[in-house]
Amino acid sequence: MNVSIEDIKKLKELSGIGLTDAKVALVEANGDFDKALEVLRKKGVTKADKKSDREAREGLVDGYIHGGRIGVIVEVNCETDFVARTDNFKSFVHEIALQVASMSPIYISEADIPAAEMERVRNESKERILAEGKPAAMVDKIVDGQVKKYFSEKVLLNQEFIKNDKQTVGDFLKENIAKMGENLIIRQFKRIELGVNE
């Protein structure tokens, strides 16, 4: 199967893999660019999972100001100073700052949600569903879905990525771990909005 050099270069650029690997992925996907990218993403996730327990103490703090009304500071860590100085890493950190400015998450991951907050949301949801008269057998399933949806908007890693609504910020993080070959950790962020106290 012949694949175009433009597609190979584009796939290489998007995934961070070599030209040969990009060509192989396209051939395996019968020239279907989106399918090849999806396969590489899945492989990248596997690589990212293996790297996730490596220590990350280098990195960057980046800031973003939007129209003088919203300010964001984020800290993202990587394993080496070498990676911290690359344009890819700087770009990734900046994308995270843009995400925080745009979508105003409260938590980085589900592990950061206090148990009391999770319980509060769960109880409120359950009361609402029972008041609507839903069948008792369905209540827990509906509550689970509503709680998941509620926190998907509050948890950074669960949010839809603003530059690609086909992936979450967590997927975007794993993709960049695979691309840069190092563990990356979004350590902390602070979002300030003019006239809004948290």
N, C-alpha and C. Protein backbone atom coordinates (compact mmCIF):
# COMPACT_ATOMS: atom_id res chain seq x y z
N MET A 1 0.84 -1.19 0.00
CA MET A 1 0.00 0.00 0.00
C MET A 1 0.88 1.24 0.00
N ASN A 2 0.59 2.17 -0.88
CA ASN A 2 1.32 3.44 -0.94
C ASN A 2 0.64 4.47 -0.05
N VAL A 3 1.47 5.14 0.75
CA VAL A 3 0.95 6.24 1.58
C VAL A 3 1.74 7.49 1.25
N SER A 4 1.09 8.64 1.35
CA SER A 4 1.75 9.88 0.93
C SER A 4 2.77 10.33 1.97
N ILE A 5 3.84 10.94 1.49
CA ILE A 5 4.89 11.45 2.37
C ILE A 5 4.34 12.56 3.27
N GLU A 6 3.32 13.30 2.76
CA GLU A 6 2.70 14.36 3.56
C GLU A 6 2.01 13.77 4.79
N ASP A 7 1.28 12.64 4.58
CA ASP A 7 0.62 11.99 5.71
C ASP A 7 1.63 11.43 6.71
N ILE A 8 2.72 10.88 6.18
CA ILE A 8 3.77 10.34 7.07
C ILE A 8 4.35 11.45 7.92
N LYS A 9 4.67 12.59 7.28
CA LYS A 9 5.25 13.73 8.03
C LYS A 9 4.25 14.26 9.05
N LYS A 10 2.99 14.36 8.64
CA LYS A 10 1.95 14.88 9.54
C LYS A 10 1.79 13.96 10.76
N LEU A 11 1.78 12.64 10.52
CA LEU A 11 1.65 11.68 11.61
C LEU A 11 2.86 11.74 12.53
N LYS A 12 4.04 11.88 11.95
CA LYS A 12 5.27 12.00 12.74
C LYS A 12 5.19 13.22 13.66
N GLU A 13 4.74 14.33 13.09
CA GLU A 13 4.65 15.59 13.83
C GLU A 13 3.64 15.49 14.98
N LEU A 14 2.49 14.90 14.70
CA LEU A 14 1.44 14.80 15.72
C LEU A 14 1.76 13.82 16.83
N SER A 15 2.46 12.74 16.50
CA SER A 15 2.68 11.68 17.48
C SER A 15 4.06 11.69 18.12
N GLY A 16 5.03 12.38 17.47
CA GLY A 16 6.38 12.41 18.02
C GLY A 16 7.19 11.15 17.75
N ILE A 17 6.73 10.30 16.82
CA ILE A 17 7.47 9.08 16.48
C ILE A 17 8.33 9.32 15.25
N GLY A 18 9.17 8.35 14.90
CA GLY A 18 10.03 8.47 13.73
C GLY A 18 9.26 8.29 12.43
N LEU A 19 9.88 8.68 11.32
CA LEU A 19 9.25 8.57 10.00
C LEU A 19 8.90 7.13 9.65
N THR A 20 9.82 6.22 9.94
CA THR A 20 9.59 4.81 9.61
C THR A 20 8.39 4.27 10.38
N ASP A 21 8.33 4.57 11.68
CA ASP A 21 7.20 4.12 12.50
C ASP A 21 5.89 4.73 12.00
N ALA A 22 5.94 5.99 11.58
CA ALA A 22 4.74 6.65 11.06
C ALA A 22 4.27 5.96 9.79
N LYS A 23 5.22 5.61 8.91
CA LYS A 23 4.86 4.93 7.67
C LYS A 23 4.24 3.56 7.96
N VAL A 24 4.86 2.81 8.88
CA VAL A 24 4.35 1.48 9.25
C VAL A 24 2.93 1.60 9.79
N ALA A 25 2.69 2.59 10.65
CA ALA A 25 1.36 2.77 11.24
C ALA A 25 0.32 3.07 10.15
N LEU A 26 0.69 3.90 9.18
CA LEU A 26 -0.23 4.23 8.09
C LEU A 26 -0.51 3.02 7.20
N VAL A 27 0.53 2.24 6.93
CA VAL A 27 0.34 1.04 6.10
C VAL A 27 -0.58 0.05 6.82
N GLU A 28 -0.34 -0.14 8.14
CA GLU A 28 -1.19 -1.05 8.93
C GLU A 28 -2.64 -0.59 8.95
N ALA A 29 -2.85 0.74 8.87
CA ALA A 29 -4.21 1.30 8.92
C ALA A 29 -4.78 1.49 7.51
N ASN A 30 -4.13 0.86 6.51
CA ASN A 30 -4.57 0.96 5.11
C ASN A 30 -4.70 2.41 4.63
N GLY A 31 -3.78 3.25 5.08
CA GLY A 31 -3.75 4.64 4.64
C GLY A 31 -4.73 5.55 5.36
N ASP A 32 -5.53 5.00 6.29
CA ASP A 32 -6.50 5.80 7.04
C ASP A 32 -5.76 6.56 8.15
N PHE A 33 -5.60 7.86 7.95
CA PHE A 33 -4.79 8.69 8.84
C PHE A 33 -5.34 8.66 10.28
N ASP A 34 -6.65 8.87 10.43
CA ASP A 34 -7.25 8.91 11.77
C ASP A 34 -7.10 7.58 12.50
N LYS A 35 -7.26 6.48 11.76
CA LYS A 35 -7.12 5.15 12.36
C LYS A 35 -5.67 4.93 12.83
N ALA A 36 -4.71 5.35 12.00
CA ALA A 36 -3.28 5.22 12.36
C ALA A 36 -2.97 6.02 13.61
N LEU A 37 -3.51 7.24 13.68
CA LEU A 37 -3.28 8.10 14.85
C LEU A 37 -3.88 7.48 16.10
N GLU A 38 -5.07 6.91 15.96
CA GLU A 38 -5.74 6.27 17.10
C GLU A 38 -4.94 5.09 17.62
N VAL A 39 -4.41 4.26 16.70
CA VAL A 39 -3.59 3.11 17.09
C VAL A 39 -2.34 3.58 17.83
N LEU A 40 -1.71 4.63 17.32
CA LEU A 40 -0.51 5.17 17.97
C LEU A 40 -0.84 5.75 19.35
N ARG A 41 -2.00 6.39 19.46
CA ARG A 41 -2.42 6.93 20.76
C ARG A 41 -2.55 5.81 21.77
N LYS A 42 -3.17 4.71 21.34
CA LYS A 42 -3.35 3.58 22.26
C LYS A 42 -2.01 3.00 22.68
N LYS A 43 -1.08 2.90 21.73
CA LYS A 43 0.27 2.42 22.07
C LYS A 43 0.95 3.41 23.00
N GLY A 44 0.75 4.70 22.74
CA GLY A 44 1.34 5.76 23.56
C GLY A 44 0.83 5.71 24.99
N VAL A 45 -0.44 5.40 25.14
CA VAL A 45 -1.03 5.28 26.48
C VAL A 45 -0.33 4.17 27.25
N THR A 46 -0.04 3.06 26.58
CA THR A 46 0.66 1.96 27.23
C THR A 46 2.05 2.41 27.68
N LYS A 47 2.76 3.11 26.80
CA LYS A 47 4.08 3.62 27.17
C LYS A 47 3.96 4.60 28.32
N ALA A 48 2.95 5.47 28.27
CA ALA A 48 2.76 6.48 29.32
C ALA A 48 2.51 5.82 30.66
N ASP A 49 1.70 4.76 30.68
CA ASP A 49 1.40 4.07 31.94
C ASP A 49 2.66 3.49 32.57
N LYS A 50 3.59 3.00 31.73
CA LYS A 50 4.85 2.44 32.25
C LYS A 50 5.72 3.53 32.86
N LYS A 51 5.63 4.75 32.33
CA LYS A 51 6.48 5.84 32.80
C LYS A 51 5.89 6.56 34.01
N SER A 52 4.61 6.33 34.31
CA SER A 52 3.91 7.14 35.29
C SER A 52 4.43 7.02 36.72
N ASP A 53 5.20 5.98 37.03
CA ASP A 53 5.71 5.90 38.39
C ASP A 53 7.16 6.37 38.51
N ARG A 54 7.71 6.92 37.44
CA ARG A 54 9.07 7.48 37.52
C ARG A 54 9.01 8.88 38.13
N GLU A 55 10.03 9.22 38.91
CA GLU A 55 10.03 10.50 39.62
C GLU A 55 10.22 11.67 38.66
N ALA A 56 9.45 12.73 38.89
CA ALA A 56 9.52 13.94 38.07
C ALA A 56 9.71 15.14 38.99
N ARG A 57 10.92 15.69 39.00
CA ARG A 57 11.23 16.82 39.89
C ARG A 57 11.68 18.07 39.13
N GLU A 58 11.93 17.95 37.84
CA GLU A 58 12.27 19.12 37.03
C GLU A 58 10.98 19.68 36.47
N GLY A 59 11.06 20.71 35.64
CA GLY A 59 9.85 21.20 35.02
C GLY A 59 9.80 22.70 34.89
N LEU A 60 8.58 23.22 34.82
CA LEU A 60 8.36 24.65 34.60
C LEU A 60 7.15 25.15 35.37
N VAL A 61 7.21 26.43 35.70
CA VAL A 61 6.03 27.15 36.15
C VAL A 61 5.73 28.13 35.03
N ASP A 62 4.48 28.13 34.56
CA ASP A 62 4.10 29.02 33.46
C ASP A 62 2.86 29.80 33.87
N GLY A 63 2.76 30.99 33.33
CA GLY A 63 1.60 31.84 33.62
C GLY A 63 0.90 32.26 32.35
N TYR A 64 -0.36 32.57 32.49
CA TYR A 64 -1.16 33.04 31.36
C TYR A 64 -2.17 34.06 31.88
N ILE A 65 -2.24 35.21 31.22
CA ILE A 65 -3.22 36.24 31.57
C ILE A 65 -4.16 36.40 30.38
N HIS A 66 -5.45 36.33 30.63
CA HIS A 66 -6.44 36.46 29.56
C HIS A 66 -7.20 37.78 29.73
N GLY A 67 -6.92 38.72 28.84
CA GLY A 67 -7.65 39.98 28.80
C GLY A 67 -7.62 40.79 30.09
N GLY A 68 -6.61 40.57 30.91
CA GLY A 68 -6.51 41.32 32.15
C GLY A 68 -7.58 40.93 33.18
N ARG A 69 -8.36 39.88 32.90
CA ARG A 69 -9.46 39.49 33.80
C ARG A 69 -9.25 38.12 34.45
N ILE A 70 -8.49 37.25 33.77
CA ILE A 70 -8.24 35.90 34.30
C ILE A 70 -6.73 35.66 34.27
N GLY A 71 -6.20 35.19 35.38
CA GLY A 71 -4.79 34.85 35.45
C GLY A 71 -4.61 33.42 35.94
N VAL A 72 -3.65 32.73 35.34
CA VAL A 72 -3.40 31.32 35.71
C VAL A 72 -1.90 31.10 35.88
N ILE A 73 -1.55 30.36 36.91
CA ILE A 73 -0.17 29.88 37.08
C ILE A 73 -0.26 28.37 37.23
N VAL A 74 0.58 27.64 36.47
CA VAL A 74 0.61 26.18 36.58
C VAL A 74 2.05 25.71 36.80
N GLU A 75 2.18 24.60 37.52
CA GLU A 75 3.47 23.93 37.66
C GLU A 75 3.31 22.54 37.06
N VAL A 76 4.18 22.24 36.08
CA VAL A 76 4.20 20.91 35.47
C VAL A 76 5.62 20.38 35.60
N ASN A 77 5.73 19.14 36.08
CA ASN A 77 7.04 18.53 36.29
C ASN A 77 7.34 17.46 35.25
N CYS A 78 8.65 17.30 34.99
CA CYS A 78 9.16 16.24 34.12
C CYS A 78 10.38 15.64 34.82
N GLU A 79 11.02 14.68 34.18
CA GLU A 79 12.12 13.99 34.84
C GLU A 79 13.47 14.71 34.72
N THR A 80 13.70 15.39 33.59
CA THR A 80 15.02 15.99 33.36
C THR A 80 14.92 17.45 32.96
N ASP A 81 15.97 18.17 33.28
CA ASP A 81 16.07 19.58 32.89
C ASP A 81 16.13 19.70 31.36
N PHE A 82 16.70 18.70 30.71
CA PHE A 82 16.79 18.71 29.24
C PHE A 82 15.40 18.81 28.62
N VAL A 83 14.48 17.96 29.07
CA VAL A 83 13.10 17.98 28.54
C VAL A 83 12.40 19.28 28.93
N ALA A 84 12.65 19.76 30.16
CA ALA A 84 12.01 21.00 30.63
C ALA A 84 12.33 22.19 29.73
N ARG A 85 13.47 22.14 29.05
CA ARG A 85 13.88 23.26 28.20
C ARG A 85 13.42 23.12 26.75
N THR A 86 12.78 22.01 26.40
CA THR A 86 12.36 21.82 25.01
C THR A 86 11.09 22.62 24.70
N ASP A 87 10.94 22.98 23.43
CA ASP A 87 9.75 23.71 22.99
C ASP A 87 8.49 22.87 23.17
N ASN A 88 8.59 21.54 22.95
CA ASN A 88 7.42 20.67 23.12
C ASN A 88 6.90 20.73 24.55
N PHE A 89 7.81 20.68 25.53
CA PHE A 89 7.40 20.71 26.92
C PHE A 89 6.81 22.07 27.27
N LYS A 90 7.48 23.14 26.84
CA LYS A 90 6.98 24.50 27.12
C LYS A 90 5.58 24.68 26.52
N SER A 91 5.40 24.16 25.33
CA SER A 91 4.10 24.26 24.66
C SER A 91 3.03 23.48 25.44
N PHE A 92 3.40 22.29 25.91
CA PHE A 92 2.47 21.48 26.70
C PHE A 92 2.04 22.22 27.96
N VAL A 93 3.00 22.78 28.68
CA VAL A 93 2.69 23.50 29.92
C VAL A 93 1.76 24.68 29.63
N HIS A 94 2.04 25.38 28.53
CA HIS A 94 1.20 26.52 28.16
C HIS A 94 -0.23 26.08 27.81
N GLU A 95 -0.35 24.95 27.13
CA GLU A 95 -1.69 24.42 26.80
C GLU A 95 -2.47 24.11 28.07
N ILE A 96 -1.79 23.62 29.09
CA ILE A 96 -2.45 23.33 30.37
C ILE A 96 -2.91 24.63 31.02
N ALA A 97 -2.08 25.67 30.95
CA ALA A 97 -2.48 26.98 31.50
C ALA A 97 -3.71 27.52 30.77
N LEU A 98 -3.74 27.37 29.45
CA LEU A 98 -4.91 27.81 28.67
C LEU A 98 -6.16 27.03 29.07
N GLN A 99 -6.00 25.72 29.27
CA GLN A 99 -7.12 24.86 29.68
C GLN A 99 -7.69 25.34 31.02
N VAL A 100 -6.80 25.59 31.98
CA VAL A 100 -7.24 26.03 33.31
C VAL A 100 -7.95 27.38 33.21
N ALA A 101 -7.41 28.31 32.40
CA ALA A 101 -8.04 29.62 32.23
C ALA A 101 -9.43 29.48 31.63
N SER A 102 -9.55 28.63 30.62
CA SER A 102 -10.80 28.48 29.89
C SER A 102 -11.87 27.69 30.65
N MET A 103 -11.47 26.60 31.29
CA MET A 103 -12.45 25.65 31.85
C MET A 103 -12.56 25.67 33.38
N SER A 104 -11.74 26.49 34.02
CA SER A 104 -11.72 26.66 35.49
C SER A 104 -11.96 25.39 36.31
N PRO A 105 -11.07 24.40 36.18
CA PRO A 105 -11.20 23.19 37.02
C PRO A 105 -10.89 23.54 38.48
N ILE A 106 -11.30 22.66 39.37
CA ILE A 106 -11.03 22.84 40.80
C ILE A 106 -9.94 21.87 41.25
N TYR A 107 -9.99 20.63 40.71
CA TYR A 107 -9.07 19.57 41.12
C TYR A 107 -8.23 19.14 39.92
N ILE A 108 -7.05 18.58 40.18
CA ILE A 108 -6.23 18.04 39.10
C ILE A 108 -6.74 16.66 38.71
N SER A 109 -6.92 15.78 39.70
CA SER A 109 -7.40 14.42 39.42
C SER A 109 -8.50 14.05 40.41
N GLU A 110 -9.16 12.93 40.16
CA GLU A 110 -10.23 12.48 41.05
C GLU A 110 -9.70 12.21 42.46
N ALA A 111 -8.42 11.83 42.55
CA ALA A 111 -7.82 11.55 43.86
C ALA A 111 -7.77 12.80 44.75
N ASP A 112 -7.87 13.98 44.14
CA ASP A 112 -7.80 15.25 44.88
C ASP A 112 -9.16 15.67 45.46
N ILE A 113 -10.23 15.00 45.06
CA ILE A 113 -11.57 15.37 45.53
C ILE A 113 -11.73 14.89 46.98
N PRO A 114 -12.02 15.80 47.91
CA PRO A 114 -12.23 15.37 49.30
C PRO A 114 -13.42 14.42 49.40
N ALA A 115 -13.31 13.41 50.25
CA ALA A 115 -14.37 12.41 50.41
C ALA A 115 -15.69 13.08 50.80
N ALA A 116 -15.62 14.11 51.64
CA ALA A 116 -16.83 14.81 52.09
C ALA A 116 -17.54 15.49 50.91
N GLU A 117 -16.77 16.04 49.99
CA GLU A 117 -17.36 16.70 48.81
C GLU A 117 -18.01 15.67 47.89
N MET A 118 -17.33 14.55 47.70
CA MET A 118 -17.88 13.48 46.87
C MET A 118 -19.20 12.97 47.48
N GLU A 119 -19.22 12.81 48.79
CA GLU A 119 -20.42 12.33 49.48
C GLU A 119 -21.56 13.35 49.38
N ARG A 120 -21.22 14.63 49.51
CA ARG A 120 -22.23 15.69 49.42
C ARG A 120 -22.92 15.68 48.05
N VAL A 121 -22.11 15.62 46.99
CA VAL A 121 -22.65 15.62 45.63
C VAL A 121 -23.49 14.36 45.40
N ARG A 122 -23.00 13.25 45.89
CA ARG A 122 -23.72 11.98 45.75
C ARG A 122 -25.09 12.02 46.44
N ASN A 123 -25.11 12.54 47.67
CA ASN A 123 -26.35 12.63 48.44
C ASN A 123 -27.36 13.57 47.78
N GLU A 124 -26.87 14.73 47.32
CA GLU A 124 -27.77 15.69 46.65
C GLU A 124 -28.38 15.07 45.40
N SER A 125 -27.55 14.37 44.65
CA SER A 125 -28.02 13.73 43.42
C SER A 125 -29.06 12.65 43.74
N LYS A 126 -28.80 11.88 44.77
CA LYS A 126 -29.72 10.79 45.16
C LYS A 126 -31.07 11.36 45.59
N GLU A 127 -31.05 12.43 46.41
CA GLU A 127 -32.29 13.06 46.86
C GLU A 127 -33.11 13.56 45.66
N ARG A 128 -32.44 14.19 44.73
CA ARG A 128 -33.11 14.74 43.54
C ARG A 128 -33.76 13.61 42.72
N ILE A 129 -33.03 12.52 42.53
CA ILE A 129 -33.53 11.40 41.72
C ILE A 129 -34.71 10.72 42.42
N LEU A 130 -34.61 10.54 43.73
CA LEU A 130 -35.71 9.93 44.49
C LEU A 130 -36.96 10.82 44.42
N ALA A 131 -36.75 12.15 44.49
CA ALA A 131 -37.87 13.09 44.42
C ALA A 131 -38.55 13.04 43.05
N GLU A 132 -37.78 12.70 42.02
CA GLU A 132 -38.35 12.59 40.67
C GLU A 132 -39.13 11.29 40.49
N GLY A 133 -39.04 10.39 41.47
CA GLY A 133 -39.80 9.15 41.43
C GLY A 133 -39.23 8.09 40.50
N LYS A 134 -37.92 8.11 40.29
CA LYS A 134 -37.28 7.08 39.45
C LYS A 134 -37.35 5.73 40.15
N PRO A 135 -37.37 4.63 39.38
CA PRO A 135 -37.42 3.29 40.00
C PRO A 135 -36.20 3.05 40.89
N ALA A 136 -36.44 2.46 42.07
CA ALA A 136 -35.39 2.24 43.06
C ALA A 136 -34.20 1.46 42.49
N ALA A 137 -34.47 0.52 41.59
CA ALA A 137 -33.39 -0.29 41.01
C ALA A 137 -32.45 0.53 40.14
N MET A 138 -32.93 1.68 39.66
CA MET A 138 -32.13 2.51 38.74
C MET A 138 -31.36 3.62 39.47
N VAL A 139 -31.74 3.91 40.71
CA VAL A 139 -31.24 5.09 41.42
C VAL A 139 -29.71 5.13 41.47
N ASP A 140 -29.07 4.04 41.94
CA ASP A 140 -27.61 4.06 42.09
C ASP A 140 -26.90 4.29 40.76
N LYS A 141 -27.40 3.66 39.71
CA LYS A 141 -26.79 3.82 38.39
C LYS A 141 -26.90 5.27 37.90
N ILE A 142 -28.07 5.86 38.10
CA ILE A 142 -28.29 7.26 37.68
C ILE A 142 -27.40 8.19 38.51
N VAL A 143 -27.33 7.93 39.82
CA VAL A 143 -26.48 8.75 40.71
C VAL A 143 -25.02 8.67 40.24
N ASP A 144 -24.53 7.47 39.96
CA ASP A 144 -23.15 7.30 39.50
C ASP A 144 -22.89 8.15 38.25
N GLY A 145 -23.82 8.10 37.30
CA GLY A 145 -23.67 8.87 36.06
C GLY A 145 -23.66 10.37 36.31
N GLN A 146 -24.55 10.84 37.19
CA GLN A 146 -24.61 12.28 37.47
C GLN A 146 -23.38 12.77 38.22
N VAL A 147 -22.90 11.96 39.17
CA VAL A 147 -21.69 12.33 39.93
C VAL A 147 -20.48 12.38 38.99
N LYS A 148 -20.39 11.39 38.11
CA LYS A 148 -19.28 11.36 37.15
C LYS A 148 -19.31 12.60 36.25
N LYS A 149 -20.48 12.95 35.75
CA LYS A 149 -20.63 14.13 34.88
C LYS A 149 -20.27 15.41 35.63
N TYR A 150 -20.77 15.53 36.87
CA TYR A 150 -20.49 16.71 37.68
C TYR A 150 -18.98 16.92 37.84
N PHE A 151 -18.29 15.85 38.22
CA PHE A 151 -16.85 15.98 38.47
C PHE A 151 -16.02 16.00 37.18
N SER A 152 -16.58 15.53 36.06
CA SER A 152 -15.82 15.59 34.80
C SER A 152 -15.55 17.03 34.41
N GLU A 153 -16.42 17.94 34.86
CA GLU A 153 -16.22 19.36 34.55
C GLU A 153 -15.35 20.05 35.59
N LYS A 154 -15.17 19.45 36.76
CA LYS A 154 -14.40 20.06 37.84
C LYS A 154 -12.98 19.52 37.94
N VAL A 155 -12.75 18.33 37.37
CA VAL A 155 -11.44 17.66 37.45
C VAL A 155 -10.68 17.89 36.15
N LEU A 156 -9.54 18.55 36.24
CA LEU A 156 -8.75 18.91 35.05
C LEU A 156 -8.50 17.73 34.12
N LEU A 157 -8.01 16.61 34.65
CA LEU A 157 -7.66 15.47 33.80
C LEU A 157 -8.87 14.82 33.13
N ASN A 158 -10.06 15.05 33.67
CA ASN A 158 -11.28 14.47 33.10
C ASN A 158 -11.98 15.41 32.11
N GLN A 159 -11.55 16.67 32.07
CA GLN A 159 -12.20 17.64 31.18
C GLN A 159 -11.88 17.33 29.72
N GLU A 160 -12.82 17.71 28.83
CA GLU A 160 -12.52 17.68 27.39
C GLU A 160 -11.40 18.67 27.14
N PHE A 161 -10.41 18.27 26.35
CA PHE A 161 -9.31 19.16 26.01
C PHE A 161 -9.84 20.24 25.06
N ILE A 162 -9.58 21.51 25.36
CA ILE A 162 -10.17 22.61 24.58
C ILE A 162 -9.73 22.64 23.12
N LYS A 163 -8.56 22.07 22.82
CA LYS A 163 -8.08 22.09 21.44
C LYS A 163 -8.50 20.85 20.65
N ASN A 164 -9.08 19.84 21.35
CA ASN A 164 -9.51 18.61 20.68
C ASN A 164 -10.58 17.94 21.53
N ASP A 165 -11.84 18.12 21.16
CA ASP A 165 -12.93 17.58 21.99
C ASP A 165 -13.07 16.06 21.90
N LYS A 166 -12.19 15.41 21.12
CA LYS A 166 -12.20 13.95 21.04
C LYS A 166 -11.33 13.33 22.13
N GLN A 167 -10.61 14.16 22.89
CA GLN A 167 -9.77 13.62 23.95
C GLN A 167 -9.90 14.45 25.23
N THR A 168 -9.60 13.80 26.35
CA THR A 168 -9.59 14.50 27.63
C THR A 168 -8.20 15.08 27.86
N VAL A 169 -8.09 15.92 28.88
CA VAL A 169 -6.78 16.45 29.25
C VAL A 169 -5.88 15.30 29.69
N GLY A 170 -6.46 14.29 30.34
CA GLY A 170 -5.69 13.10 30.74
C GLY A 170 -5.10 12.38 29.53
N ASP A 171 -5.90 12.28 28.45
CA ASP A 171 -5.40 11.66 27.21
C ASP A 171 -4.27 12.51 26.61
N PHE A 172 -4.47 13.83 26.64
CA PHE A 172 -3.46 14.76 26.11
C PHE A 172 -2.16 14.63 26.91
N LEU A 173 -2.28 14.48 28.23
CA LEU A 173 -1.11 14.27 29.09
C LEU A 173 -0.39 12.99 28.71
N LYS A 174 -1.12 11.88 28.57
CA LYS A 174 -0.51 10.60 28.22
C LYS A 174 0.16 10.66 26.85
N GLU A 175 -0.48 11.34 25.91
CA GLU A 175 0.09 11.50 24.57
C GLU A 175 1.44 12.21 24.64
N ASN A 176 1.54 13.22 25.50
CA ASN A 176 2.79 13.97 25.63
C ASN A 176 3.84 13.21 26.42
N ILE A 177 3.42 12.37 27.36
CA ILE A 177 4.37 11.49 28.06
C ILE A 177 5.02 10.56 27.03
N ALA A 178 4.20 9.99 26.15
CA ALA A 178 4.72 9.10 25.11
C ALA A 178 5.62 9.86 24.15
N LYS A 179 5.22 11.05 23.77
CA LYS A 179 5.98 11.85 22.80
C LYS A 179 7.34 12.26 23.36
N MET A 180 7.37 12.67 24.64
CA MET A 180 8.62 13.19 25.24
C MET A 180 9.44 12.11 25.91
N GLY A 181 8.84 10.94 26.13
CA GLY A 181 9.59 9.83 26.70
C GLY A 181 9.91 9.98 28.17
N GLU A 182 9.18 10.84 28.86
CA GLU A 182 9.39 11.04 30.29
C GLU A 182 8.05 11.13 30.99
N ASN A 183 8.06 10.85 32.30
CA ASN A 183 6.87 11.05 33.09
C ASN A 183 6.62 12.55 33.23
N LEU A 184 5.39 12.99 33.04
CA LEU A 184 5.00 14.39 33.22
C LEU A 184 3.90 14.42 34.27
N ILE A 185 3.99 15.38 35.18
CA ILE A 185 3.00 15.50 36.25
C ILE A 185 2.53 16.94 36.32
N ILE A 186 1.20 17.12 36.24
CA ILE A 186 0.64 18.45 36.49
C ILE A 186 0.55 18.56 38.00
N ARG A 187 1.46 19.32 38.59
CA ARG A 187 1.63 19.33 40.05
C ARG A 187 0.60 20.23 40.75
N GLN A 188 0.41 21.45 40.20
CA GLN A 188 -0.53 22.37 40.84
C GLN A 188 -0.90 23.49 39.89
N PHE A 189 -2.01 24.16 40.20
CA PHE A 189 -2.39 25.34 39.43
C PHE A 189 -3.16 26.30 40.34
N LYS A 190 -3.17 27.55 39.93
CA LYS A 190 -3.96 28.57 40.62
C LYS A 190 -4.61 29.43 39.55
N ARG A 191 -5.91 29.61 39.65
CA ARG A 191 -6.66 30.45 38.70
C ARG A 191 -7.29 31.60 39.47
N ILE A 192 -7.07 32.81 38.98
CA ILE A 192 -7.64 34.00 39.61
C ILE A 192 -8.51 34.71 38.58
N GLU A 193 -9.73 35.02 38.97
CA GLU A 193 -10.63 35.75 38.07
C GLU A 193 -11.03 37.05 38.74
N LEU A 194 -10.93 38.16 38.02
CA LEU A 194 -11.24 39.47 38.53
C LEU A 194 -12.65 39.49 39.13
N GLY A 195 -12.74 39.94 40.38
CA GLY A 195 -14.04 40.08 41.03
C GLY A 195 -14.65 38.79 41.55
N VAL A 196 -13.94 37.65 41.44
CA VAL A 196 -14.46 36.38 41.91
C VAL A 196 -13.56 35.85 43.03
N ASN A 197 -14.13 35.64 44.20
CA ASN A 197 -13.38 35.05 45.31
C ASN A 197 -13.73 33.58 45.41
N GLU A 198 -12.70 32.73 45.57
CA GLU A 198 -12.98 31.29 45.69
C GLU A 198 -13.00 30.90 47.15
